[in-house]
Amino acid sequence: MAACIRAAAWTGRPSVSFVFPRNRVGHLGVLANHGIRVFRGPGPRWYERDENPGTLGRLAHLLDVAMGAPAPTVLPESTPEGLVNLPGSMIYLPAHGIRGMIPVSRRVRRALAALNEAADLRRVFHLWFHPTNLADHYESMMAGLRGVFGRARELRDAGRLDLRPMGAFAPGA
């Protein structure tokens, strides 16, 4: 962690948020000792929370995306270590392999439904992705993401939604 904090020092701002590889949460005390205050935890769906959902969990997730089921909205959760767990709501699922058969519109439908729910209920829609998730079917994946961001901007401009980075959920931020 100390090496990660040093590597991020070029930003000129303290590192306060962290994402665990594969969302496998652990060593929260180490994060707290290094000034991290917020982390992305697994989403609320059973296949995201289970330590090893295996094939059944991957299929359930794929089915949710294929059907365009609304992504869940979440609320920040405090941990005993004094950190904030900001669960992920939705990964913008890449379009490689079998996932490429799912229309981008289904990903977008999931995100738009969650954005609207977050605005209506004053909850959080925590969208995340890796840049490489956009590599396959790049034009349509980017167009879908632009649509999601456009709706988020509309909701923000209407005063119905705050757009914040993870670090803004840190205590005292």
N, C-alpha and C. Protein backbone atom coordinates (compact mmCIF):
# COMPACT_ATOMS: atom_id res chain seq x y z
N MET A 1 0.82 -1.19 0.00
CA MET A 1 0.00 0.00 0.00
C MET A 1 0.87 1.25 0.00
N ALA A 2 1.94 1.21 0.75
CA ALA A 2 2.80 2.40 0.80
C ALA A 2 3.34 2.71 -0.60
N ALA A 3 3.71 1.68 -1.36
CA ALA A 3 4.20 1.89 -2.72
C ALA A 3 3.10 2.46 -3.62
N CYS A 4 1.87 2.00 -3.44
CA CYS A 4 0.74 2.53 -4.22
C CYS A 4 0.52 4.01 -3.92
N ILE A 5 0.58 4.36 -2.65
CA ILE A 5 0.38 5.75 -2.24
C ILE A 5 1.48 6.62 -2.83
N ARG A 6 2.74 6.13 -2.78
CA ARG A 6 3.85 6.89 -3.37
C ARG A 6 3.67 7.04 -4.88
N ALA A 7 3.22 5.98 -5.54
CA ALA A 7 3.05 6.02 -6.99
C ALA A 7 1.97 7.02 -7.40
N ALA A 8 0.98 7.22 -6.56
CA ALA A 8 -0.10 8.15 -6.88
C ALA A 8 0.21 9.58 -6.45
N ALA A 9 1.34 9.80 -5.84
CA ALA A 9 1.67 11.12 -5.30
C ALA A 9 1.77 12.18 -6.40
N TRP A 10 2.03 11.78 -7.63
CA TRP A 10 2.16 12.75 -8.73
C TRP A 10 0.89 13.58 -8.93
N THR A 11 -0.25 13.08 -8.45
CA THR A 11 -1.51 13.81 -8.63
C THR A 11 -1.56 15.06 -7.75
N GLY A 12 -0.74 15.08 -6.71
CA GLY A 12 -0.74 16.22 -5.80
C GLY A 12 -1.88 16.19 -4.80
N ARG A 13 -2.68 15.14 -4.85
CA ARG A 13 -3.80 15.00 -3.91
C ARG A 13 -3.64 13.68 -3.16
N PRO A 14 -4.08 13.64 -1.92
CA PRO A 14 -3.97 12.38 -1.18
C PRO A 14 -4.88 11.30 -1.77
N SER A 15 -4.41 10.09 -1.74
CA SER A 15 -5.22 8.95 -2.17
C SER A 15 -6.19 8.61 -1.06
N VAL A 16 -7.48 8.64 -1.35
CA VAL A 16 -8.47 8.34 -0.32
C VAL A 16 -9.39 7.19 -0.73
N SER A 17 -9.33 6.76 -2.00
CA SER A 17 -10.22 5.68 -2.44
C SER A 17 -9.40 4.53 -3.01
N PHE A 18 -10.01 3.35 -2.97
CA PHE A 18 -9.30 2.13 -3.37
C PHE A 18 -10.29 1.14 -3.97
N VAL A 19 -9.83 0.43 -4.99
CA VAL A 19 -10.62 -0.65 -5.59
C VAL A 19 -9.82 -1.94 -5.46
N PHE A 20 -10.42 -2.92 -4.85
CA PHE A 20 -9.76 -4.21 -4.68
C PHE A 20 -9.78 -5.00 -5.98
N PRO A 21 -8.69 -5.68 -6.29
CA PRO A 21 -8.70 -6.56 -7.46
C PRO A 21 -9.84 -7.58 -7.33
N ARG A 22 -10.62 -7.70 -8.38
CA ARG A 22 -11.74 -8.64 -8.42
C ARG A 22 -12.78 -8.40 -7.32
N ASN A 23 -12.76 -7.20 -6.75
CA ASN A 23 -13.69 -6.83 -5.66
C ASN A 23 -13.59 -7.77 -4.47
N ARG A 24 -12.46 -8.37 -4.26
CA ARG A 24 -12.24 -9.25 -3.12
C ARG A 24 -11.72 -8.42 -1.96
N VAL A 25 -12.62 -8.01 -1.10
CA VAL A 25 -12.32 -7.10 0.00
C VAL A 25 -11.52 -7.80 1.09
N GLY A 26 -10.52 -7.12 1.59
CA GLY A 26 -9.73 -7.64 2.70
C GLY A 26 -8.76 -6.59 3.20
N HIS A 27 -8.17 -6.84 4.35
CA HIS A 27 -7.12 -5.99 4.92
C HIS A 27 -7.56 -4.53 5.05
N LEU A 28 -8.76 -4.32 5.55
CA LEU A 28 -9.28 -2.96 5.68
C LEU A 28 -8.45 -2.12 6.64
N GLY A 29 -7.90 -2.75 7.66
CA GLY A 29 -7.04 -2.01 8.59
C GLY A 29 -5.81 -1.44 7.90
N VAL A 30 -5.26 -2.17 6.95
CA VAL A 30 -4.10 -1.68 6.20
C VAL A 30 -4.49 -0.45 5.40
N LEU A 31 -5.66 -0.51 4.76
CA LEU A 31 -6.12 0.67 4.01
C LEU A 31 -6.25 1.87 4.93
N ALA A 32 -6.93 1.67 6.06
CA ALA A 32 -7.15 2.76 7.00
C ALA A 32 -5.82 3.35 7.48
N ASN A 33 -4.84 2.48 7.73
CA ASN A 33 -3.53 2.94 8.21
C ASN A 33 -2.77 3.75 7.16
N HIS A 34 -3.17 3.64 5.90
CA HIS A 34 -2.50 4.37 4.82
C HIS A 34 -3.35 5.53 4.30
N GLY A 35 -4.36 5.91 5.03
CA GLY A 35 -5.14 7.09 4.68
C GLY A 35 -6.28 6.85 3.71
N ILE A 36 -6.49 5.61 3.31
CA ILE A 36 -7.61 5.31 2.44
C ILE A 36 -8.88 5.40 3.29
N ARG A 37 -9.93 6.00 2.72
CA ARG A 37 -11.17 6.17 3.48
C ARG A 37 -12.38 5.55 2.80
N VAL A 38 -12.29 5.26 1.51
CA VAL A 38 -13.42 4.71 0.75
C VAL A 38 -12.92 3.58 -0.14
N PHE A 39 -13.69 2.52 -0.24
CA PHE A 39 -13.35 1.45 -1.17
C PHE A 39 -14.62 0.97 -1.88
N ARG A 40 -14.41 0.42 -3.06
CA ARG A 40 -15.54 -0.15 -3.78
C ARG A 40 -15.67 -1.60 -3.35
N GLY A 41 -16.81 -1.90 -2.74
CA GLY A 41 -17.11 -3.27 -2.36
C GLY A 41 -17.96 -3.93 -3.41
N PRO A 42 -18.19 -5.22 -3.25
CA PRO A 42 -19.04 -5.93 -4.21
C PRO A 42 -20.46 -5.38 -4.17
N GLY A 43 -21.15 -5.52 -5.29
CA GLY A 43 -22.52 -5.07 -5.39
C GLY A 43 -23.46 -5.91 -4.55
N PRO A 44 -24.72 -5.52 -4.49
CA PRO A 44 -25.68 -6.18 -3.61
C PRO A 44 -26.27 -7.49 -4.13
N ARG A 45 -26.06 -7.81 -5.39
CA ARG A 45 -26.62 -9.06 -5.92
C ARG A 45 -25.88 -10.26 -5.31
N TRP A 46 -26.60 -11.36 -5.11
CA TRP A 46 -26.00 -12.54 -4.47
C TRP A 46 -24.76 -13.01 -5.23
N TYR A 47 -24.75 -12.90 -6.52
CA TYR A 47 -23.62 -13.40 -7.30
C TYR A 47 -22.42 -12.46 -7.23
N GLU A 48 -22.62 -11.26 -6.69
CA GLU A 48 -21.50 -10.35 -6.47
C GLU A 48 -20.98 -10.47 -5.05
N ARG A 49 -21.84 -10.79 -4.12
CA ARG A 49 -21.47 -10.86 -2.70
C ARG A 49 -20.84 -12.20 -2.33
N ASP A 50 -21.22 -13.26 -3.01
CA ASP A 50 -20.72 -14.59 -2.70
C ASP A 50 -19.22 -14.64 -2.95
N GLU A 51 -18.50 -15.29 -2.07
CA GLU A 51 -17.05 -15.40 -2.21
C GLU A 51 -16.65 -16.10 -3.51
N ASN A 52 -17.41 -17.10 -3.91
CA ASN A 52 -17.09 -17.83 -5.13
C ASN A 52 -18.37 -18.31 -5.79
N PRO A 53 -19.04 -17.42 -6.52
CA PRO A 53 -20.33 -17.81 -7.10
C PRO A 53 -20.19 -18.82 -8.25
N GLY A 54 -19.00 -18.94 -8.81
CA GLY A 54 -18.75 -19.93 -9.84
C GLY A 54 -19.58 -19.70 -11.10
N THR A 55 -19.77 -20.79 -11.82
CA THR A 55 -20.47 -20.74 -13.09
C THR A 55 -21.90 -20.23 -12.94
N LEU A 56 -22.60 -20.67 -11.91
CA LEU A 56 -23.98 -20.23 -11.71
C LEU A 56 -24.06 -18.72 -11.52
N GLY A 57 -23.15 -18.14 -10.76
CA GLY A 57 -23.13 -16.71 -10.54
C GLY A 57 -22.82 -15.94 -11.82
N ARG A 58 -21.86 -16.44 -12.60
CA ARG A 58 -21.53 -15.77 -13.86
C ARG A 58 -22.72 -15.83 -14.82
N LEU A 59 -23.40 -16.96 -14.84
CA LEU A 59 -24.58 -17.07 -15.70
C LEU A 59 -25.71 -16.15 -15.24
N ALA A 60 -25.91 -16.04 -13.93
CA ALA A 60 -26.95 -15.16 -13.40
C ALA A 60 -26.65 -13.70 -13.78
N HIS A 61 -25.39 -13.31 -13.67
CA HIS A 61 -25.01 -11.95 -14.05
C HIS A 61 -25.24 -11.73 -15.54
N LEU A 62 -24.81 -12.68 -16.35
CA LEU A 62 -25.00 -12.57 -17.79
C LEU A 62 -26.48 -12.47 -18.15
N LEU A 63 -27.31 -13.22 -17.45
CA LEU A 63 -28.75 -13.18 -17.69
C LEU A 63 -29.33 -11.81 -17.33
N ASP A 64 -28.89 -11.24 -16.20
CA ASP A 64 -29.33 -9.90 -15.81
C ASP A 64 -29.01 -8.89 -16.92
N VAL A 65 -27.79 -8.97 -17.45
CA VAL A 65 -27.38 -8.03 -18.49
C VAL A 65 -28.17 -8.29 -19.78
N ALA A 66 -28.29 -9.57 -20.16
CA ALA A 66 -28.99 -9.92 -21.40
C ALA A 66 -30.45 -9.47 -21.37
N MET A 67 -31.07 -9.53 -20.20
CA MET A 67 -32.46 -9.11 -20.07
C MET A 67 -32.59 -7.59 -19.91
N GLY A 68 -31.49 -6.92 -19.67
CA GLY A 68 -31.55 -5.48 -19.43
C GLY A 68 -32.15 -5.15 -18.08
N ALA A 69 -32.03 -6.07 -17.12
CA ALA A 69 -32.58 -5.84 -15.78
C ALA A 69 -31.93 -4.61 -15.15
N PRO A 70 -32.72 -3.76 -14.52
CA PRO A 70 -32.13 -2.55 -13.92
C PRO A 70 -31.01 -2.90 -12.95
N ALA A 71 -29.93 -2.14 -13.04
CA ALA A 71 -28.84 -2.31 -12.08
C ALA A 71 -29.32 -1.78 -10.73
N PRO A 72 -28.82 -2.34 -9.64
CA PRO A 72 -29.24 -1.85 -8.33
C PRO A 72 -28.61 -0.50 -7.99
N THR A 73 -29.31 0.25 -7.18
CA THR A 73 -28.71 1.44 -6.58
C THR A 73 -28.26 1.04 -5.18
N VAL A 74 -27.35 1.79 -4.62
CA VAL A 74 -26.74 1.41 -3.34
C VAL A 74 -26.66 2.62 -2.42
N LEU A 75 -26.26 2.35 -1.20
CA LEU A 75 -25.94 3.41 -0.23
C LEU A 75 -24.58 3.09 0.37
N PRO A 76 -23.81 4.11 0.72
CA PRO A 76 -22.53 3.88 1.38
C PRO A 76 -22.74 3.15 2.70
N GLU A 77 -21.78 2.30 3.04
CA GLU A 77 -21.85 1.53 4.29
C GLU A 77 -20.58 1.78 5.09
N SER A 78 -20.72 2.06 6.38
CA SER A 78 -19.55 2.23 7.26
C SER A 78 -19.03 0.88 7.70
N THR A 79 -17.70 0.82 7.88
CA THR A 79 -17.09 -0.41 8.38
C THR A 79 -16.53 -0.15 9.78
N PRO A 80 -16.27 -1.19 10.54
CA PRO A 80 -15.70 -1.01 11.88
C PRO A 80 -14.34 -0.31 11.86
N GLU A 81 -13.64 -0.38 10.73
CA GLU A 81 -12.33 0.25 10.62
C GLU A 81 -12.43 1.75 10.34
N GLY A 82 -13.66 2.27 10.23
CA GLY A 82 -13.85 3.68 9.96
C GLY A 82 -13.82 4.02 8.47
N LEU A 83 -13.90 3.01 7.62
CA LEU A 83 -13.91 3.23 6.18
C LEU A 83 -15.34 3.27 5.66
N VAL A 84 -15.49 3.69 4.42
CA VAL A 84 -16.78 3.68 3.75
C VAL A 84 -16.70 2.68 2.61
N ASN A 85 -17.60 1.72 2.64
CA ASN A 85 -17.76 0.78 1.54
C ASN A 85 -18.81 1.38 0.60
N LEU A 86 -18.39 1.68 -0.62
CA LEU A 86 -19.33 2.16 -1.63
C LEU A 86 -19.51 1.01 -2.62
N PRO A 87 -20.55 0.18 -2.42
CA PRO A 87 -20.72 -0.99 -3.28
C PRO A 87 -20.87 -0.59 -4.74
N GLY A 88 -20.34 -1.41 -5.61
CA GLY A 88 -20.54 -1.19 -7.04
C GLY A 88 -21.98 -1.51 -7.41
N SER A 89 -22.54 -0.72 -8.32
CA SER A 89 -23.89 -1.00 -8.81
C SER A 89 -23.84 -1.83 -10.10
N MET A 90 -22.91 -1.45 -10.99
CA MET A 90 -22.91 -2.07 -12.30
C MET A 90 -21.56 -1.92 -12.98
N ILE A 91 -21.04 -3.01 -13.47
CA ILE A 91 -19.91 -2.94 -14.38
C ILE A 91 -20.49 -2.76 -15.79
N TYR A 92 -19.90 -1.86 -16.54
CA TYR A 92 -20.27 -1.72 -17.96
C TYR A 92 -19.59 -2.89 -18.65
N LEU A 93 -20.34 -3.97 -18.75
CA LEU A 93 -19.82 -5.27 -19.16
C LEU A 93 -19.16 -5.22 -20.53
N PRO A 94 -17.96 -5.76 -20.65
CA PRO A 94 -17.30 -5.76 -21.95
C PRO A 94 -18.08 -6.59 -22.96
N ALA A 95 -17.74 -6.41 -24.23
CA ALA A 95 -18.47 -7.07 -25.31
C ALA A 95 -17.60 -8.09 -26.03
N HIS A 96 -16.67 -8.71 -25.31
CA HIS A 96 -15.88 -9.75 -25.96
C HIS A 96 -16.46 -11.12 -25.63
N GLY A 97 -16.14 -12.08 -26.46
CA GLY A 97 -16.66 -13.44 -26.26
C GLY A 97 -18.17 -13.47 -26.39
N ILE A 98 -18.77 -14.33 -25.60
CA ILE A 98 -20.22 -14.49 -25.64
C ILE A 98 -20.96 -13.22 -25.25
N ARG A 99 -20.31 -12.38 -24.46
CA ARG A 99 -20.93 -11.12 -24.03
C ARG A 99 -21.17 -10.17 -25.20
N GLY A 100 -20.42 -10.37 -26.28
CA GLY A 100 -20.60 -9.55 -27.47
C GLY A 100 -21.93 -9.79 -28.15
N MET A 101 -22.60 -10.89 -27.81
CA MET A 101 -23.91 -11.18 -28.40
C MET A 101 -25.02 -10.37 -27.73
N ILE A 102 -24.73 -9.80 -26.57
CA ILE A 102 -25.73 -8.99 -25.86
C ILE A 102 -25.68 -7.59 -26.43
N PRO A 103 -26.82 -7.08 -26.93
CA PRO A 103 -26.81 -5.72 -27.49
C PRO A 103 -26.38 -4.69 -26.45
N VAL A 104 -25.62 -3.71 -26.90
CA VAL A 104 -25.18 -2.63 -26.02
C VAL A 104 -26.39 -1.95 -25.39
N SER A 105 -27.50 -1.91 -26.11
CA SER A 105 -28.70 -1.26 -25.59
C SER A 105 -29.16 -1.87 -24.26
N ARG A 106 -28.87 -3.13 -24.05
CA ARG A 106 -29.26 -3.76 -22.77
C ARG A 106 -28.40 -3.22 -21.63
N ARG A 107 -27.13 -3.02 -21.89
CA ARG A 107 -26.26 -2.42 -20.87
C ARG A 107 -26.77 -1.02 -20.54
N VAL A 108 -27.08 -0.28 -21.60
CA VAL A 108 -27.54 1.10 -21.44
C VAL A 108 -28.87 1.13 -20.69
N ARG A 109 -29.79 0.24 -21.04
CA ARG A 109 -31.10 0.19 -20.36
C ARG A 109 -30.91 -0.03 -18.86
N ARG A 110 -30.01 -0.94 -18.49
CA ARG A 110 -29.75 -1.21 -17.07
C ARG A 110 -29.27 0.06 -16.36
N ALA A 111 -28.33 0.75 -17.01
CA ALA A 111 -27.74 1.93 -16.40
C ALA A 111 -28.76 3.07 -16.30
N LEU A 112 -29.54 3.29 -17.35
CA LEU A 112 -30.51 4.39 -17.33
C LEU A 112 -31.57 4.17 -16.25
N ALA A 113 -32.04 2.94 -16.12
CA ALA A 113 -33.03 2.64 -15.07
C ALA A 113 -32.44 2.94 -13.69
N ALA A 114 -31.19 2.56 -13.49
CA ALA A 114 -30.54 2.80 -12.19
C ALA A 114 -30.31 4.30 -11.96
N LEU A 115 -29.91 5.01 -12.99
CA LEU A 115 -29.73 6.47 -12.84
C LEU A 115 -31.03 7.13 -12.41
N ASN A 116 -32.12 6.76 -13.07
CA ASN A 116 -33.41 7.35 -12.72
C ASN A 116 -33.82 6.99 -11.29
N GLU A 117 -33.58 5.74 -10.89
CA GLU A 117 -33.91 5.34 -9.52
C GLU A 117 -33.05 6.10 -8.52
N ALA A 118 -31.76 6.26 -8.83
CA ALA A 118 -30.87 7.00 -7.92
C ALA A 118 -31.38 8.43 -7.74
N ALA A 119 -31.82 9.04 -8.83
CA ALA A 119 -32.33 10.41 -8.74
C ALA A 119 -33.64 10.46 -7.96
N ASP A 120 -34.52 9.50 -8.21
CA ASP A 120 -35.83 9.50 -7.54
C ASP A 120 -35.72 9.20 -6.05
N LEU A 121 -34.82 8.29 -5.68
CA LEU A 121 -34.74 7.84 -4.29
C LEU A 121 -33.55 8.42 -3.52
N ARG A 122 -32.77 9.30 -4.18
CA ARG A 122 -31.57 9.89 -3.56
C ARG A 122 -30.61 8.78 -3.10
N ARG A 123 -30.35 7.86 -3.99
CA ARG A 123 -29.41 6.78 -3.74
C ARG A 123 -28.22 6.95 -4.68
N VAL A 124 -27.35 5.96 -4.70
CA VAL A 124 -26.13 6.01 -5.50
C VAL A 124 -26.20 4.96 -6.60
N PHE A 125 -25.88 5.39 -7.81
CA PHE A 125 -25.64 4.46 -8.91
C PHE A 125 -24.14 4.51 -9.17
N HIS A 126 -23.46 3.44 -8.82
CA HIS A 126 -22.00 3.38 -8.89
C HIS A 126 -21.60 2.54 -10.09
N LEU A 127 -21.41 3.20 -11.22
CA LEU A 127 -21.02 2.56 -12.46
C LEU A 127 -19.50 2.46 -12.51
N TRP A 128 -19.01 1.34 -12.99
CA TRP A 128 -17.56 1.19 -13.12
C TRP A 128 -17.24 0.32 -14.32
N PHE A 129 -16.02 0.47 -14.80
CA PHE A 129 -15.54 -0.34 -15.91
C PHE A 129 -14.03 -0.18 -16.00
N HIS A 130 -13.43 -1.08 -16.74
CA HIS A 130 -12.01 -0.98 -17.07
C HIS A 130 -11.94 -0.41 -18.49
N PRO A 131 -10.96 0.40 -18.82
CA PRO A 131 -10.87 0.91 -20.19
C PRO A 131 -10.89 -0.20 -21.24
N THR A 132 -10.32 -1.34 -20.91
CA THR A 132 -10.31 -2.45 -21.87
C THR A 132 -11.70 -3.00 -22.13
N ASN A 133 -12.67 -2.73 -21.25
CA ASN A 133 -14.04 -3.19 -21.47
C ASN A 133 -14.65 -2.56 -22.72
N LEU A 134 -14.06 -1.47 -23.17
CA LEU A 134 -14.60 -0.76 -24.32
C LEU A 134 -13.94 -1.18 -25.63
N ALA A 135 -12.94 -2.03 -25.57
CA ALA A 135 -12.13 -2.36 -26.75
C ALA A 135 -12.92 -3.08 -27.84
N ASP A 136 -13.71 -4.07 -27.49
CA ASP A 136 -14.49 -4.79 -28.49
C ASP A 136 -15.77 -4.02 -28.78
N HIS A 137 -16.12 -3.91 -30.03
CA HIS A 137 -17.30 -3.16 -30.46
C HIS A 137 -17.19 -1.71 -29.95
N TYR A 138 -16.00 -1.16 -30.12
CA TYR A 138 -15.66 0.13 -29.54
C TYR A 138 -16.69 1.23 -29.83
N GLU A 139 -17.06 1.40 -31.07
CA GLU A 139 -17.96 2.51 -31.43
C GLU A 139 -19.30 2.38 -30.72
N SER A 140 -19.90 1.19 -30.73
CA SER A 140 -21.21 1.03 -30.09
C SER A 140 -21.09 1.08 -28.57
N MET A 141 -20.01 0.54 -28.01
CA MET A 141 -19.82 0.61 -26.56
C MET A 141 -19.65 2.06 -26.11
N MET A 142 -18.87 2.84 -26.87
CA MET A 142 -18.69 4.25 -26.52
C MET A 142 -19.99 5.03 -26.71
N ALA A 143 -20.73 4.73 -27.76
CA ALA A 143 -22.00 5.42 -27.97
C ALA A 143 -22.95 5.14 -26.80
N GLY A 144 -22.97 3.90 -26.35
CA GLY A 144 -23.81 3.55 -25.20
C GLY A 144 -23.39 4.31 -23.96
N LEU A 145 -22.09 4.36 -23.73
CA LEU A 145 -21.58 5.08 -22.56
C LEU A 145 -21.89 6.57 -22.66
N ARG A 146 -21.78 7.14 -23.86
CA ARG A 146 -22.14 8.55 -24.03
C ARG A 146 -23.61 8.78 -23.69
N GLY A 147 -24.47 7.82 -24.05
CA GLY A 147 -25.89 7.94 -23.70
C GLY A 147 -26.11 7.93 -22.20
N VAL A 148 -25.40 7.05 -21.52
CA VAL A 148 -25.51 6.98 -20.05
C VAL A 148 -25.01 8.28 -19.42
N PHE A 149 -23.85 8.74 -19.88
CA PHE A 149 -23.30 9.98 -19.33
C PHE A 149 -24.20 11.17 -19.66
N GLY A 150 -24.80 11.16 -20.83
CA GLY A 150 -25.72 12.25 -21.20
C GLY A 150 -26.91 12.31 -20.26
N ARG A 151 -27.47 11.14 -19.95
CA ARG A 151 -28.60 11.12 -19.01
C ARG A 151 -28.16 11.59 -17.62
N ALA A 152 -26.98 11.16 -17.19
CA ALA A 152 -26.46 11.61 -15.89
C ALA A 152 -26.32 13.12 -15.88
N ARG A 153 -25.83 13.68 -16.97
CA ARG A 153 -25.69 15.14 -17.06
C ARG A 153 -27.05 15.83 -17.00
N GLU A 154 -28.05 15.28 -17.71
CA GLU A 154 -29.40 15.86 -17.65
C GLU A 154 -29.95 15.87 -16.23
N LEU A 155 -29.78 14.76 -15.53
CA LEU A 155 -30.28 14.67 -14.15
C LEU A 155 -29.52 15.64 -13.24
N ARG A 156 -28.22 15.76 -13.46
CA ARG A 156 -27.43 16.71 -12.67
C ARG A 156 -27.88 18.14 -12.94
N ASP A 157 -28.03 18.47 -14.22
CA ASP A 157 -28.43 19.83 -14.58
C ASP A 157 -29.82 20.19 -14.06
N ALA A 158 -30.67 19.19 -13.88
CA ALA A 158 -32.01 19.41 -13.34
C ALA A 158 -31.99 19.44 -11.81
N GLY A 159 -30.81 19.30 -11.21
CA GLY A 159 -30.70 19.32 -9.75
C GLY A 159 -31.20 18.05 -9.08
N ARG A 160 -31.30 16.97 -9.84
CA ARG A 160 -31.84 15.73 -9.29
C ARG A 160 -30.77 14.70 -8.94
N LEU A 161 -29.54 14.94 -9.35
CA LEU A 161 -28.48 13.94 -9.15
C LEU A 161 -27.15 14.65 -8.96
N ASP A 162 -26.39 14.18 -7.99
CA ASP A 162 -25.02 14.66 -7.81
C ASP A 162 -24.10 13.68 -8.53
N LEU A 163 -23.10 14.19 -9.22
CA LEU A 163 -22.09 13.35 -9.85
C LEU A 163 -20.81 13.50 -9.04
N ARG A 164 -20.35 12.39 -8.47
CA ARG A 164 -19.21 12.46 -7.55
C ARG A 164 -18.24 11.32 -7.80
N PRO A 165 -16.96 11.56 -7.59
CA PRO A 165 -16.00 10.45 -7.57
C PRO A 165 -16.10 9.72 -6.24
N MET A 166 -15.52 8.55 -6.18
CA MET A 166 -15.59 7.75 -4.94
C MET A 166 -15.06 8.52 -3.73
N GLY A 167 -13.97 9.24 -3.93
CA GLY A 167 -13.35 9.95 -2.81
C GLY A 167 -14.28 10.94 -2.13
N ALA A 168 -15.30 11.41 -2.84
CA ALA A 168 -16.24 12.37 -2.25
C ALA A 168 -17.09 11.73 -1.16
N PHE A 169 -17.08 10.41 -1.06
CA PHE A 169 -17.82 9.71 -0.01
C PHE A 169 -16.98 9.50 1.24
N ALA A 170 -15.76 9.95 1.23
CA ALA A 170 -14.87 9.81 2.39
C ALA A 170 -15.40 10.66 3.53
N PRO A 171 -15.29 10.16 4.76
CA PRO A 171 -15.69 10.98 5.91
C PRO A 171 -14.96 12.32 5.90
N GLY A 172 -15.72 13.38 6.06
CA GLY A 172 -15.14 14.71 6.09
C GLY A 172 -14.85 15.31 4.73
N ALA A 173 -15.20 14.59 3.66
CA ALA A 173 -14.92 15.11 2.30
C ALA A 173 -15.87 16.24 1.95
